[in-house]
Amino acid sequence: MSELPPILIADSITRAGPEAAGAVVVNGSHGGGCAAYLAAKLQVSAAIFNDAGVGRDQAGIAGLDYLAELGVPAAAVGHYTARIGDGTDMVARGLVTHANAAARALGCRPGMACRDAAVCLQQALPGGREPPPEREGAVLLIPDPPAVWALDSASLVSPEHAGTVVVTGSHGGLLGGSPETALKYDAFAALFNDAGIGIDEAGVTRLPVLAARSIAAATVAAASARIGDARSSYEDGILSRVNPRAAALGIATGMTAREFVAITRRVAAEERSHA
């Protein structure tokens, strides 16, 4: 009898490495397309994500169908049952809300505890198909300083984004509750998706941490923009939460993401001219 694949717990699929190959990965990422792509590239046997409030165009679970096409069983737990960005909490409290056909064939069902679903998915056979090449996940929207970047994942933030405005497709939650995961470098302003906000308001926990770093930050409502799609955040997003730094600049909930960008760019330019 062959050995069952291990169950690997991660706060984000971006934090899983080669050890994920052949494993059932329970991760705190949203279940959107970019997260599913990373899971497929890691050659997981199966995966469980957070449904991130499902949101616009069902983007929070779009990755389940994507993985089904590659032969990979996948499921998502409810954002009101476990904190997004926290794999350990998903195992402790998460309840499945969605499962693709491959996962259902293994007994994974909505309402099932995450830990039980992970055990079911250990029956998955390794060898899902290689995903097609990923589309560009980082796009320079406005080159004139202060520049504006559209980053499908906040994990793409690098030193070149310091002092710029970054519009991400990522959820606004800290990974594992750790403040250092709020943003890797000090952008002037940052925008995230609220992932439905969810239990313990996990979908917006980056905001106060970034305020303490003098970074204006906000989230767009998951119902207004596709999570995992930074260009949708910019083009479609409506602000659901703003941190004190953003509020001090005149930014308020109900504004559009474009207004957030325009205001933060104007303030950044003014501060530079007076420096």
Protein backbone atom coordinates (compact mmCIF):
# COMPACT_ATOMS: atom_id res chain seq x y z
CA MET A 1 0.00 0.00 0.00
CA SER A 2 1.44 3.37 -1.05
CA GLU A 3 2.07 6.03 1.57
CA LEU A 4 -0.47 8.85 1.78
CA PRO A 5 0.75 12.31 0.79
CA PRO A 6 1.52 14.66 3.68
CA ILE A 7 -0.73 17.54 4.71
CA LEU A 8 1.22 20.79 4.53
CA ILE A 9 -0.07 23.94 6.28
CA ALA A 10 0.94 27.39 4.99
CA ASP A 11 -0.31 30.92 5.65
CA SER A 12 0.03 31.68 1.95
CA ILE A 13 0.62 29.61 -1.16
CA THR A 14 3.45 32.07 -1.89
CA ARG A 15 5.22 30.76 1.22
CA ALA A 16 5.11 27.11 0.18
CA GLY A 17 8.23 25.69 -1.42
CA PRO A 18 9.44 22.43 -2.97
CA GLU A 19 8.04 20.52 0.01
CA ALA A 20 4.55 21.20 -1.41
CA ALA A 21 5.12 18.86 -4.36
CA GLY A 22 2.85 15.85 -3.93
CA ALA A 23 1.32 17.22 -0.71
CA VAL A 24 -2.18 18.31 0.26
CA VAL A 25 -1.59 22.01 0.89
CA VAL A 26 -3.95 23.80 3.29
CA ASN A 27 -3.10 27.45 2.76
CA GLY A 28 -4.50 30.81 3.80
CA SER A 29 -4.48 32.32 0.30
CA HIS A 30 -7.66 33.24 -1.53
CA GLY A 31 -8.87 30.64 -4.00
CA GLY A 32 -8.45 32.86 -7.05
CA GLY A 33 -6.66 32.14 -10.28
CA CYS A 34 -3.20 33.42 -9.40
CA ALA A 35 -3.09 31.40 -6.16
CA ALA A 36 -4.30 28.30 -8.01
CA TYR A 37 -1.61 28.81 -10.63
CA LEU A 38 1.08 28.84 -7.94
CA ALA A 39 -0.36 25.66 -6.40
CA ALA A 40 -0.27 23.95 -9.79
CA LYS A 41 3.32 25.09 -10.40
CA LEU A 42 4.27 23.59 -7.05
CA GLN A 43 2.75 20.28 -8.25
CA VAL A 44 0.54 19.82 -5.20
CA SER A 45 -1.62 16.72 -5.04
CA ALA A 46 -4.55 18.78 -3.74
CA ALA A 47 -5.17 22.17 -2.16
CA ILE A 48 -7.53 23.96 0.22
CA PHE A 49 -7.85 27.76 0.09
CA ASN A 50 -9.96 30.47 1.75
CA ASP A 51 -13.03 31.52 -0.28
CA ALA A 52 -12.23 35.21 0.36
CA GLY A 53 -15.90 36.14 0.40
CA VAL A 54 -16.24 34.67 -3.12
CA GLY A 55 -16.82 38.20 -4.41
CA ARG A 56 -17.07 39.71 -7.87
CA ASP A 57 -17.32 37.15 -10.66
CA GLN A 58 -16.75 34.48 -7.97
CA ALA A 59 -13.07 35.37 -8.18
CA GLY A 60 -12.39 34.10 -4.66
CA ILE A 61 -13.00 30.51 -5.77
CA ALA A 62 -12.19 30.75 -9.49
CA GLY A 63 -9.03 28.76 -8.91
CA LEU A 64 -11.00 25.65 -8.03
CA ASP A 65 -12.26 25.25 -11.59
CA TYR A 66 -8.82 26.17 -12.91
CA LEU A 67 -7.27 23.35 -10.90
CA ALA A 68 -10.06 20.94 -11.88
CA GLU A 69 -9.06 21.41 -15.53
CA LEU A 70 -5.53 20.35 -14.56
CA GLY A 71 -6.78 17.31 -12.64
CA VAL A 72 -6.05 18.74 -9.19
CA PRO A 73 -8.68 18.37 -6.41
CA ALA A 74 -9.27 21.65 -4.60
CA ALA A 75 -11.64 23.16 -2.05
CA ALA A 76 -12.18 26.42 -0.16
CA VAL A 77 -13.23 27.16 3.41
CA GLY A 78 -15.56 29.99 4.34
CA HIS A 79 -14.09 33.38 5.16
CA TYR A 80 -16.49 33.60 8.10
CA THR A 81 -15.25 30.28 9.51
CA ALA A 82 -11.47 30.84 9.49
CA ARG A 83 -9.07 33.75 9.07
CA ILE A 84 -7.74 34.37 5.60
CA GLY A 85 -3.94 34.33 5.62
CA ASP A 86 -3.81 31.85 8.51
CA GLY A 87 -3.40 28.19 7.57
CA THR A 88 -3.38 27.01 11.17
CA ASP A 89 -6.71 28.71 11.87
CA MET A 90 -8.16 27.14 8.74
CA VAL A 91 -7.32 23.68 10.05
CA ALA A 92 -8.65 24.56 13.53
CA ARG A 93 -11.95 26.22 12.59
CA GLY A 94 -12.46 26.18 8.85
CA LEU A 95 -15.56 24.72 7.22
CA VAL A 96 -15.62 23.90 3.52
CA THR A 97 -17.92 26.05 1.40
CA HIS A 98 -16.85 25.00 -2.10
CA ALA A 99 -15.15 21.99 -3.71
CA ASN A 100 -14.38 21.18 -7.32
CA ALA A 101 -15.53 17.97 -8.98
CA ALA A 102 -12.22 16.21 -8.38
CA ALA A 103 -12.41 17.01 -4.65
CA ARG A 104 -16.05 15.96 -4.40
CA ALA A 105 -15.16 12.64 -6.01
CA LEU A 106 -12.87 12.03 -3.02
CA GLY A 107 -15.64 12.77 -0.51
CA CYS A 108 -14.92 16.46 0.13
CA ARG A 109 -18.20 18.31 0.67
CA PRO A 110 -19.45 21.76 1.74
CA GLY A 111 -19.97 21.86 5.50
CA MET A 112 -17.08 19.48 6.18
CA ALA A 113 -14.40 20.53 8.65
CA CYS A 114 -11.21 21.63 6.92
CA ARG A 115 -9.15 19.05 8.78
CA ASP A 116 -11.47 16.25 7.61
CA ALA A 117 -11.46 17.57 4.06
CA ALA A 118 -7.65 17.52 4.05
CA VAL A 119 -7.73 13.85 5.07
CA CYS A 120 -10.16 13.08 2.24
CA LEU A 121 -7.87 14.82 -0.23
CA GLN A 122 -4.95 12.62 0.80
CA GLN A 123 -6.51 10.07 -1.53
CA ALA A 124 -5.61 12.30 -4.48
CA LEU A 125 -3.21 10.88 -7.00
CA PRO A 126 -0.18 13.04 -7.82
CA GLY A 127 0.51 14.10 -11.36
CA GLY A 128 -1.77 16.99 -12.26
CA ARG A 129 -0.98 18.60 -15.59
CA GLU A 130 1.52 21.45 -15.87
CA PRO A 131 -0.29 24.80 -15.95
CA PRO A 132 0.01 27.07 -19.00
CA PRO A 133 2.37 30.06 -18.73
CA GLU A 134 1.17 32.70 -16.29
CA ARG A 135 0.14 36.11 -17.59
CA GLU A 136 2.16 39.09 -16.37
CA GLY A 137 1.40 39.67 -12.70
CA ALA A 138 3.06 43.09 -12.42
CA VAL A 139 2.07 46.02 -14.64
CA LEU A 140 3.22 49.63 -14.50
CA LEU A 141 -0.05 51.58 -14.73
CA ILE A 142 1.34 55.12 -14.47
CA PRO A 143 5.08 55.63 -15.09
CA ASP A 144 5.30 59.30 -14.12
CA PRO A 145 6.46 59.69 -10.52
CA PRO A 146 5.07 58.78 -8.16
CA ALA A 147 4.55 55.66 -10.23
CA VAL A 148 1.53 53.39 -9.86
CA TRP A 149 1.96 49.63 -10.04
CA ALA A 150 -0.68 46.94 -10.44
CA LEU A 151 0.56 43.80 -8.67
CA ASP A 152 -1.69 40.75 -8.68
CA SER A 153 0.05 39.57 -5.53
CA ALA A 154 1.57 41.64 -2.73
CA SER A 155 4.37 39.07 -2.71
CA LEU A 156 5.65 40.84 -5.86
CA VAL A 157 6.43 44.05 -3.96
CA SER A 158 10.17 44.74 -4.30
CA PRO A 159 12.63 47.56 -3.58
CA GLU A 160 11.69 49.30 -6.85
CA HIS A 161 8.19 49.87 -5.44
CA ALA A 162 9.41 51.91 -2.45
CA GLY A 163 7.74 55.33 -2.48
CA THR A 164 5.26 54.36 -5.22
CA VAL A 165 1.54 53.61 -5.11
CA VAL A 166 0.91 49.86 -5.30
CA VAL A 167 -2.50 48.50 -6.23
CA THR A 168 -2.57 44.80 -5.38
CA GLY A 169 -4.96 41.95 -5.96
CA SER A 170 -4.03 40.41 -2.61
CA HIS A 171 -6.24 40.24 0.46
CA GLY A 172 -5.69 42.82 3.16
CA GLY A 173 -4.88 40.32 5.90
CA LEU A 174 -1.64 39.74 7.75
CA LEU A 175 -0.11 36.31 7.15
CA GLY A 176 -0.34 34.30 10.33
CA GLY A 177 -1.11 37.55 12.14
CA SER A 178 2.51 38.71 11.79
CA PRO A 179 2.95 42.50 11.39
CA GLU A 180 6.11 42.08 9.30
CA THR A 181 4.01 40.51 6.52
CA ALA A 182 1.95 43.68 5.95
CA LEU A 183 4.17 44.87 3.08
CA LYS A 184 7.78 44.00 2.35
CA TYR A 185 8.86 47.53 1.39
CA ASP A 186 7.59 51.02 2.22
CA ALA A 187 5.37 52.08 -0.62
CA PHE A 188 3.81 55.54 -0.30
CA ALA A 189 0.35 53.98 -0.50
CA ALA A 190 -1.08 50.49 -0.92
CA LEU A 191 -4.42 49.04 -1.91
CA PHE A 192 -5.74 45.53 -1.21
CA ASN A 193 -8.95 43.50 -1.51
CA ASP A 194 -10.93 43.06 1.72
CA ALA A 195 -11.71 39.38 0.95
CA GLY A 196 -15.16 39.86 2.42
CA ILE A 197 -13.50 41.06 5.66
CA GLY A 198 -14.57 37.83 7.34
CA ILE A 199 -14.08 36.33 10.78
CA ASP A 200 -12.02 38.42 13.22
CA GLU A 201 -12.00 41.07 10.44
CA ALA A 202 -9.00 39.16 9.10
CA GLY A 203 -9.32 40.58 5.62
CA VAL A 204 -8.28 44.09 6.68
CA THR A 205 -5.63 43.52 9.37
CA ARG A 206 -2.78 44.96 7.28
CA LEU A 207 -4.28 48.44 7.43
CA PRO A 208 -3.44 49.53 11.00
CA VAL A 209 0.04 48.03 10.74
CA LEU A 210 0.71 50.04 7.59
CA ALA A 211 -0.66 53.20 9.22
CA ALA A 212 2.00 52.79 11.93
CA ARG A 213 4.56 52.83 9.10
CA SER A 214 3.00 56.04 7.66
CA ILE A 215 1.73 54.17 4.60
CA ALA A 216 -1.71 55.20 3.37
CA ALA A 217 -3.63 51.97 2.82
CA ALA A 218 -7.14 50.84 2.03
CA THR A 219 -9.12 47.86 0.86
CA VAL A 220 -11.62 47.55 -1.94
CA ALA A 221 -14.75 45.50 -1.37
CA ALA A 222 -14.53 41.93 -2.64
CA ALA A 223 -17.94 42.41 -4.25
CA SER A 224 -16.61 45.36 -6.28
CA ALA A 225 -13.35 43.96 -7.70
CA ARG A 226 -11.94 40.55 -8.52
CA ILE A 227 -9.52 39.37 -5.86
CA GLY A 228 -6.17 38.35 -7.31
CA ASP A 229 -6.61 40.82 -10.20
CA ALA A 230 -4.89 44.14 -9.52
CA ARG A 231 -6.22 45.78 -12.65
CA SER A 232 -9.76 44.98 -11.52
CA SER A 233 -8.89 46.52 -8.15
CA TYR A 234 -7.87 49.72 -9.94
CA GLU A 235 -10.64 49.83 -12.53
CA ASP A 236 -13.59 48.49 -10.52
CA GLY A 237 -12.73 48.78 -6.83
CA ILE A 238 -14.81 50.67 -4.29
CA LEU A 239 -13.12 51.39 -0.95
CA SER A 240 -14.51 49.46 2.01
CA ARG A 241 -11.93 50.35 4.69
CA VAL A 242 -9.23 53.01 4.98
CA ASN A 243 -6.49 53.34 7.57
CA PRO A 244 -5.88 56.53 9.61
CA ARG A 245 -3.04 57.65 7.35
CA ALA A 246 -5.30 57.44 4.29
CA ALA A 247 -8.15 59.14 6.14
CA ALA A 248 -5.84 62.01 7.02
CA LEU A 249 -5.32 62.56 3.29
CA GLY A 250 -9.07 62.93 2.74
CA ILE A 251 -9.67 59.37 1.55
CA ALA A 252 -12.92 57.76 2.67
CA THR A 253 -14.91 54.57 2.23
CA GLY A 254 -17.17 54.63 -0.81
CA MET A 255 -14.54 56.32 -2.97
CA THR A 256 -13.23 54.51 -6.02
CA ALA A 257 -9.78 52.96 -6.23
CA ARG A 258 -8.97 55.48 -8.97
CA GLU A 259 -9.74 58.30 -6.52
CA PHE A 260 -7.48 56.66 -3.93
CA VAL A 261 -4.67 56.57 -6.49
CA ALA A 262 -5.24 60.16 -7.63
CA ILE A 263 -5.23 61.55 -4.09
CA THR A 264 -2.19 59.63 -2.90
CA ARG A 265 -0.23 60.53 -6.04
CA ARG A 266 -1.06 64.21 -5.58
CA VAL A 267 0.01 64.17 -1.93
CA ALA A 268 3.19 62.25 -2.70
CA ALA A 269 4.09 64.76 -5.41
CA GLU A 270 3.43 67.69 -3.07
CA GLU A 271 5.59 66.16 -0.34
CA ARG A 272 8.43 65.63 -2.79
CA SER A 273 8.24 69.20 -4.07
CA HIS A 274 8.56 70.51 -0.50
CA ALA A 275 11.35 68.13 0.48
